[in-house]
Amino acid sequence: CSKAVINLLNKVRTDIRQEPAGNNLSGG
């Protein structure tokens, strides 16, 4: 996922905190 989508996912779930791990796009 793009960084913007990861930021949203981290608000949807709180049991883990995901981090960009590759060439993730900035996205929206």
PDB file of all heavy atoms in Angstrom:
ATOM      1  N   CYS A   1       0.813  -1.219   0.000  1.00  0.00           N
ATOM      2  CA  CYS A   1       0.000   0.000   0.000  1.00  0.00           C
ATOM      3  C   CYS A   1       0.845   1.268   0.000  1.00  0.00           C
ATOM      4  O   CYS A   1       1.984   1.289   0.486  1.00  0.00           O
ATOM      5  CB  CYS A   1      -0.926   0.012   1.211  1.00  0.00           C
ATOM      6  SG  CYS A   1      -2.064  -1.384   1.268  1.00  0.00           S
ATOM      7  N   SER A   2       0.249   2.327  -0.509  1.00  0.00           N
ATOM      8  CA  SER A   2       0.890   3.634  -0.450  1.00  0.00           C
ATOM      9  C   SER A   2       0.921   4.125   0.996  1.00  0.00           C
ATOM     10  O   SER A   2       0.190   3.625   1.859  1.00  0.00           O
ATOM     11  CB  SER A   2       0.134   4.635  -1.323  1.00  0.00           C
ATOM     12  OG  SER A   2      -1.183   4.833  -0.831  1.00  0.00           O
ATOM     13  N   LYS A   3       1.752   5.096   1.263  1.00  0.00           N
ATOM     14  CA  LYS A   3       1.905   5.603   2.637  1.00  0.00           C
ATOM     15  C   LYS A   3       0.600   6.205   3.158  1.00  0.00           C
ATOM     16  O   LYS A   3       0.284   6.067   4.346  1.00  0.00           O
ATOM     17  CB  LYS A   3       3.029   6.644   2.668  1.00  0.00           C
ATOM     18  CG  LYS A   3       4.394   6.049   2.332  1.00  0.00           C
ATOM     19  CD  LYS A   3       5.474   7.114   2.233  1.00  0.00           C
ATOM     20  CE  LYS A   3       6.818   6.483   1.829  1.00  0.00           C
ATOM     21  NZ  LYS A   3       7.880   7.496   1.654  1.00  0.00           N
ATOM     22  N   ALA A   4      -0.146   6.859   2.290  1.00  0.00           N
ATOM     23  CA  ALA A   4      -1.424   7.446   2.721  1.00  0.00           C
ATOM     24  C   ALA A   4      -2.412   6.355   3.111  1.00  0.00           C
ATOM     25  O   ALA A   4      -3.158   6.493   4.090  1.00  0.00           O
ATOM     26  CB  ALA A   4      -2.002   8.311   1.604  1.00  0.00           C
ATOM     27  N   VAL A   5      -2.440   5.267   2.347  1.00  0.00           N
ATOM     28  CA  VAL A   5      -3.351   4.160   2.661  1.00  0.00           C
ATOM     29  C   VAL A   5      -2.912   3.473   3.955  1.00  0.00           C
ATOM     30  O   VAL A   5      -3.752   3.113   4.792  1.00  0.00           O
ATOM     31  CB  VAL A   5      -3.408   3.158   1.490  1.00  0.00           C
ATOM     32  CG1 VAL A   5      -4.221   1.930   1.879  1.00  0.00           C
ATOM     33  CG2 VAL A   5      -4.013   3.826   0.256  1.00  0.00           C
ATOM     34  N   ILE A   6      -1.616   3.297   4.146  1.00  0.00           N
ATOM     35  CA  ILE A   6      -1.114   2.689   5.384  1.00  0.00           C
ATOM     36  C   ILE A   6      -1.522   3.526   6.591  1.00  0.00           C
ATOM     37  O   ILE A   6      -1.900   2.991   7.644  1.00  0.00           O
ATOM     38  CB  ILE A   6       0.414   2.529   5.327  1.00  0.00           C
ATOM     39  CG1 ILE A   6       0.800   1.470   4.296  1.00  0.00           C
ATOM     40  CG2 ILE A   6       0.977   2.151   6.704  1.00  0.00           C
ATOM     41  CD1 ILE A   6       2.292   1.330   4.072  1.00  0.00           C
ATOM     42  N   ASN A   7      -1.461   4.833   6.445  1.00  0.00           N
ATOM     43  CA  ASN A   7      -1.874   5.721   7.537  1.00  0.00           C
ATOM     44  C   ASN A   7      -3.340   5.499   7.902  1.00  0.00           C
ATOM     45  O   ASN A   7      -3.708   5.469   9.086  1.00  0.00           O
ATOM     46  CB  ASN A   7      -1.647   7.175   7.134  1.00  0.00           C
ATOM     47  CG  ASN A   7      -1.991   8.149   8.241  1.00  0.00           C
ATOM     48  OD1 ASN A   7      -1.482   8.053   9.357  1.00  0.00           O
ATOM     49  ND2 ASN A   7      -2.870   9.096   7.942  1.00  0.00           N
ATOM     50  N   LEU A   8      -4.184   5.310   6.894  1.00  0.00           N
ATOM     51  CA  LEU A   8      -5.595   5.025   7.139  1.00  0.00           C
ATOM     52  C   LEU A   8      -5.761   3.672   7.816  1.00  0.00           C
ATOM     53  O   LEU A   8      -6.527   3.530   8.782  1.00  0.00           O
ATOM     54  CB  LEU A   8      -6.374   5.054   5.823  1.00  0.00           C
ATOM     55  CG  LEU A   8      -7.839   4.610   5.894  1.00  0.00           C
ATOM     56  CD1 LEU A   8      -8.657   5.583   6.738  1.00  0.00           C
ATOM     57  CD2 LEU A   8      -8.432   4.479   4.497  1.00  0.00           C
ATOM     58  N   LEU A   9      -5.056   2.665   7.330  1.00  0.00           N
ATOM     59  CA  LEU A   9      -5.164   1.319   7.897  1.00  0.00           C
ATOM     60  C   LEU A   9      -4.776   1.305   9.368  1.00  0.00           C
ATOM     61  O   LEU A   9      -5.371   0.578  10.174  1.00  0.00           O
ATOM     62  CB  LEU A   9      -4.268   0.340   7.118  1.00  0.00           C
ATOM     63  CG  LEU A   9      -4.605   0.138   5.635  1.00  0.00           C
ATOM     64  CD1 LEU A   9      -3.635  -0.844   5.003  1.00  0.00           C
ATOM     65  CD2 LEU A   9      -6.045  -0.322   5.455  1.00  0.00           C
ATOM     66  N   ASN A  10      -3.805   2.099   9.738  1.00  0.00           N
ATOM     67  CA  ASN A  10      -3.378   2.160  11.136  1.00  0.00           C
ATOM     68  C   ASN A  10      -4.421   2.804  12.037  1.00  0.00           C
ATOM     69  O   ASN A  10      -4.376   2.637  13.263  1.00  0.00           O
ATOM     70  CB  ASN A  10      -2.049   2.917  11.252  1.00  0.00           C
ATOM     71  CG  ASN A  10      -0.864   2.077  10.830  1.00  0.00           C
ATOM     72  OD1 ASN A  10      -0.896   0.843  10.937  1.00  0.00           O
ATOM     73  ND2 ASN A  10       0.187   2.713  10.342  1.00  0.00           N
ATOM     74  N   LYS A  11      -5.363   3.513  11.452  1.00  0.00           N
ATOM     75  CA  LYS A  11      -6.467   4.068  12.230  1.00  0.00           C
ATOM     76  C   LYS A  11      -7.640   3.095  12.294  1.00  0.00           C
ATOM     77  O   LYS A  11      -8.430   3.147  13.239  1.00  0.00           O
ATOM     78  CB  LYS A  11      -6.925   5.402  11.619  1.00  0.00           C
ATOM     79  CG  LYS A  11      -5.864   6.500  11.704  1.00  0.00           C
ATOM     80  CD  LYS A  11      -6.352   7.776  11.041  1.00  0.00           C
ATOM     81  CE  LYS A  11      -5.287   8.861  11.085  1.00  0.00           C
ATOM     82  NZ  LYS A  11      -5.742  10.110  10.398  1.00  0.00           N
ATOM     83  N   VAL A  12      -7.738   2.233  11.287  1.00  0.00           N
ATOM     84  CA  VAL A  12      -8.813   1.246  11.274  1.00  0.00           C
ATOM     85  C   VAL A  12      -8.536   0.137  12.277  1.00  0.00           C
ATOM     86  O   VAL A  12      -9.436  -0.364  12.938  1.00  0.00           O
ATOM     87  CB  VAL A  12      -8.982   0.655   9.855  1.00  0.00           C
ATOM     88  CG1 VAL A  12     -10.022  -0.467   9.843  1.00  0.00           C
ATOM     89  CG2 VAL A  12      -9.399   1.757   8.873  1.00  0.00           C
ATOM     90  N   ARG A  13      -7.263  -0.251  12.415  1.00  0.00           N
ATOM     91  CA  ARG A  13      -6.901  -1.297  13.375  1.00  0.00           C
ATOM     92  C   ARG A  13      -5.788  -0.769  14.281  1.00  0.00           C
ATOM     93  O   ARG A  13      -4.932  -0.006  13.853  1.00  0.00           O
ATOM     94  CB  ARG A  13      -6.448  -2.559  12.662  1.00  0.00           C
ATOM     95  CG  ARG A  13      -5.141  -2.430  11.910  1.00  0.00           C
ATOM     96  CD  ARG A  13      -4.758  -3.696  11.151  1.00  0.00           C
ATOM     97  NE  ARG A  13      -4.672  -4.864  12.002  1.00  0.00           N
ATOM     98  CZ  ARG A  13      -4.391  -6.082  11.532  1.00  0.00           C
ATOM     99  NH1 ARG A  13      -4.160  -6.262  10.235  1.00  0.00           N
ATOM    100  NH2 ARG A  13      -4.334  -7.112  12.347  1.00  0.00           N
ATOM    101  N   THR A  14      -5.806  -1.210  15.516  1.00  0.00           N
ATOM    102  CA  THR A  14      -4.830  -0.700  16.495  1.00  0.00           C
ATOM    103  C   THR A  14      -3.976  -1.802  17.119  1.00  0.00           C
ATOM    104  O   THR A  14      -3.132  -1.520  17.965  1.00  0.00           O
ATOM    105  CB  THR A  14      -5.562   0.053  17.627  1.00  0.00           C
ATOM    106  OG1 THR A  14      -6.519  -0.835  18.241  1.00  0.00           O
ATOM    107  CG2 THR A  14      -6.286   1.278  17.088  1.00  0.00           C
ATOM    108  N   ASP A  15      -4.192  -3.070  16.705  1.00  0.00           N
ATOM    109  CA  ASP A  15      -3.420  -4.165  17.313  1.00  0.00           C
ATOM    110  C   ASP A  15      -1.992  -4.209  16.803  1.00  0.00           C
ATOM    111  O   ASP A  15      -1.091  -4.732  17.470  1.00  0.00           O
ATOM    112  CB  ASP A  15      -4.112  -5.510  17.064  1.00  0.00           C
ATOM    113  CG  ASP A  15      -4.318  -5.782  15.584  1.00  0.00           C
ATOM    114  OD1 ASP A  15      -4.636  -4.832  14.843  1.00  0.00           O
ATOM    115  OD2 ASP A  15      -4.155  -6.944  15.174  1.00  0.00           O
ATOM    116  N   ILE A  16      -1.742  -3.687  15.602  1.00  0.00           N
ATOM    117  CA  ILE A  16      -0.388  -3.552  15.078  1.00  0.00           C
ATOM    118  C   ILE A  16      -0.257  -2.183  14.433  1.00  0.00           C
ATOM    119  O   ILE A  16      -1.258  -1.527  14.125  1.00  0.00           O
ATOM    120  CB  ILE A  16      -0.049  -4.638  14.034  1.00  0.00           C
ATOM    121  CG1 ILE A  16      -0.971  -4.509  12.805  1.00  0.00           C
ATOM    122  CG2 ILE A  16      -0.129  -6.036  14.628  1.00  0.00           C
ATOM    123  CD1 ILE A  16      -0.568  -5.410  11.656  1.00  0.00           C
ATOM    124  N   ARG A  17       0.977  -1.759  14.232  1.00  0.00           N
ATOM    125  CA  ARG A  17       1.216  -0.512  13.511  1.00  0.00           C
ATOM    126  C   ARG A  17       2.073  -0.825  12.297  1.00  0.00           C
ATOM    127  O   ARG A  17       3.239  -1.188  12.419  1.00  0.00           O
ATOM    128  CB  ARG A  17       1.898   0.532  14.390  1.00  0.00           C
ATOM    129  CG  ARG A  17       2.148   1.828  13.629  1.00  0.00           C
ATOM    130  CD  ARG A  17       2.476   3.002  14.497  1.00  0.00           C
ATOM    131  NE  ARG A  17       2.582   4.221  13.703  1.00  0.00           N
ATOM    132  CZ  ARG A  17       1.541   4.944  13.288  1.00  0.00           C
ATOM    133  NH1 ARG A  17       0.325   4.568  13.617  1.00  0.00           N
ATOM    134  NH2 ARG A  17       1.721   6.025  12.554  1.00  0.00           N
ATOM    135  N   GLN A  18       1.477  -0.691  11.131  1.00  0.00           N
ATOM    136  CA  GLN A  18       2.173  -1.038   9.899  1.00  0.00           C
ATOM    137  C   GLN A  18       3.107   0.086   9.465  1.00  0.00           C
ATOM    138  O   GLN A  18       2.834   1.267   9.688  1.00  0.00           O
ATOM    139  CB  GLN A  18       1.158  -1.332   8.793  1.00  0.00           C
ATOM    140  CG  GLN A  18       0.232  -2.491   9.126  1.00  0.00           C
ATOM    141  CD  GLN A  18      -0.793  -2.743   8.046  1.00  0.00           C
ATOM    142  OE1 GLN A  18      -0.452  -3.012   6.900  1.00  0.00           O
ATOM    143  NE2 GLN A  18      -2.068  -2.656   8.411  1.00  0.00           N
ATOM    144  N   GLU A  19       4.190  -0.323   8.814  1.00  0.00           N
ATOM    145  CA  GLU A  19       5.177   0.625   8.321  1.00  0.00           C
ATOM    146  C   GLU A  19       5.470   0.307   6.857  1.00  0.00           C
ATOM    147  O   GLU A  19       5.488  -0.857   6.464  1.00  0.00           O
ATOM    148  CB  GLU A  19       6.477   0.523   9.133  1.00  0.00           C
ATOM    149  CG  GLU A  19       6.339   0.868  10.601  1.00  0.00           C
ATOM    150  CD  GLU A  19       6.066   2.341  10.844  1.00  0.00           C
ATOM    151  OE1 GLU A  19       6.301   3.147   9.905  1.00  0.00           O
ATOM    152  OE2 GLU A  19       5.620   2.686  11.950  1.00  0.00           O
ATOM    153  N   PRO A  20       5.703   1.342   6.051  1.00  0.00           N
ATOM    154  CA  PRO A  20       6.101   1.088   4.664  1.00  0.00           C
ATOM    155  C   PRO A  20       7.405   0.290   4.662  1.00  0.00           C
ATOM    156  O   PRO A  20       8.317   0.582   5.442  1.00  0.00           O
ATOM    157  CB  PRO A  20       6.298   2.489   4.081  1.00  0.00           C
ATOM    158  CG  PRO A  20       5.513   3.392   4.983  1.00  0.00           C
ATOM    159  CD  PRO A  20       5.592   2.782   6.348  1.00  0.00           C
ATOM    160  N   ALA A  21       7.488  -0.710   3.784  1.00  0.00           N
ATOM    161  CA  ALA A  21       8.656  -1.592   3.842  1.00  0.00           C
ATOM    162  C   ALA A  21       9.339  -1.761   2.498  1.00  0.00           C
ATOM    163  O   ALA A  21      10.265  -2.558   2.367  1.00  0.00           O
ATOM    164  CB  ALA A  21       8.233  -2.961   4.369  1.00  0.00           C
ATOM    165  N   GLY A  22       8.907  -1.043   1.489  1.00  0.00           N
ATOM    166  CA  GLY A  22       9.524  -1.173   0.177  1.00  0.00           C
ATOM    167  C   GLY A  22       9.538   0.173  -0.505  1.00  0.00           C
ATOM    168  O   GLY A  22       9.736   1.210   0.129  1.00  0.00           O
ATOM    169  N   ASN A  23       9.323   0.152  -1.795  1.00  0.00           N
ATOM    170  CA  ASN A  23       9.237   1.403  -2.546  1.00  0.00           C
ATOM    171  C   ASN A  23       7.792   1.889  -2.577  1.00  0.00           C
ATOM    172  O   ASN A  23       7.204   2.093  -3.643  1.00  0.00           O
ATOM    173  CB  ASN A  23       9.763   1.183  -3.971  1.00  0.00           C
ATOM    174  CG  ASN A  23      11.228   0.810  -3.999  1.00  0.00           C
ATOM    175  OD1 ASN A  23      12.020   1.362  -3.238  1.00  0.00           O
ATOM    176  ND2 ASN A  23      11.598  -0.129  -4.855  1.00  0.00           N
ATOM    177  N   ASN A  24       7.223   2.051  -1.393  1.00  0.00           N
ATOM    178  CA  ASN A  24       5.819   2.458  -1.290  1.00  0.00           C
ATOM    179  C   ASN A  24       5.615   3.861  -1.858  1.00  0.00           C
ATOM    180  O   ASN A  24       6.407   4.768  -1.588  1.00  0.00           O
ATOM    181  CB  ASN A  24       5.357   2.435   0.162  1.00  0.00           C
ATOM    182  CG  ASN A  24       5.542   1.094   0.818  1.00  0.00           C
ATOM    183  OD1 ASN A  24       6.666   0.651   1.028  1.00  0.00           O
ATOM    184  ND2 ASN A  24       4.454   0.429   1.164  1.00  0.00           N
ATOM    185  N   LEU A  25       4.547   4.021  -2.626  1.00  0.00           N
ATOM    186  CA  LEU A  25       4.207   5.330  -3.165  1.00  0.00           C
ATOM    187  C   LEU A  25       3.660   6.226  -2.068  1.00  0.00           C
ATOM    188  O   LEU A  25       3.226   5.746  -1.016  1.00  0.00           O
ATOM    189  CB  LEU A  25       3.161   5.176  -4.269  1.00  0.00           C
ATOM    190  CG  LEU A  25       3.570   4.328  -5.488  1.00  0.00           C
ATOM    191  CD1 LEU A  25       2.360   4.085  -6.388  1.00  0.00           C
ATOM    192  CD2 LEU A  25       4.678   5.022  -6.265  1.00  0.00           C
ATOM    193  N   SER A  26       3.657   7.531  -2.315  1.00  0.00           N
ATOM    194  CA  SER A  26       3.040   8.457  -1.351  1.00  0.00           C
ATOM    195  C   SER A  26       1.530   8.265  -1.359  1.00  0.00           C
ATOM    196  O   SER A  26       0.881   8.169  -0.325  1.00  0.00           O
ATOM    197  CB  SER A  26       3.406   9.897  -1.691  1.00  0.00           C
ATOM    198  OG  SER A  26       4.794  10.099  -1.575  1.00  0.00           O
ATOM    199  N   GLY A  27       0.941   8.183  -2.573  1.00  0.00           N
ATOM    200  CA  GLY A  27      -0.466   7.850  -2.723  1.00  0.00           C
ATOM    201  C   GLY A  27      -1.426   8.836  -2.101  1.00  0.00           C
ATOM    202  O   GLY A  27      -1.088   9.989  -1.806  1.00  0.00           O
ATOM    203  N   GLY A  28      -2.636   8.369  -1.888  1.00  0.00           N
ATOM    204  CA  GLY A  28      -3.673   9.192  -1.292  1.00  0.00           C
ATOM    205  C   GLY A  28      -4.855   8.342  -0.886  1.00  0.00           C
ATOM    206  O   GLY A  28      -5.089   7.268  -1.447  1.00  0.00           O
TER     207      GLY A  28
END
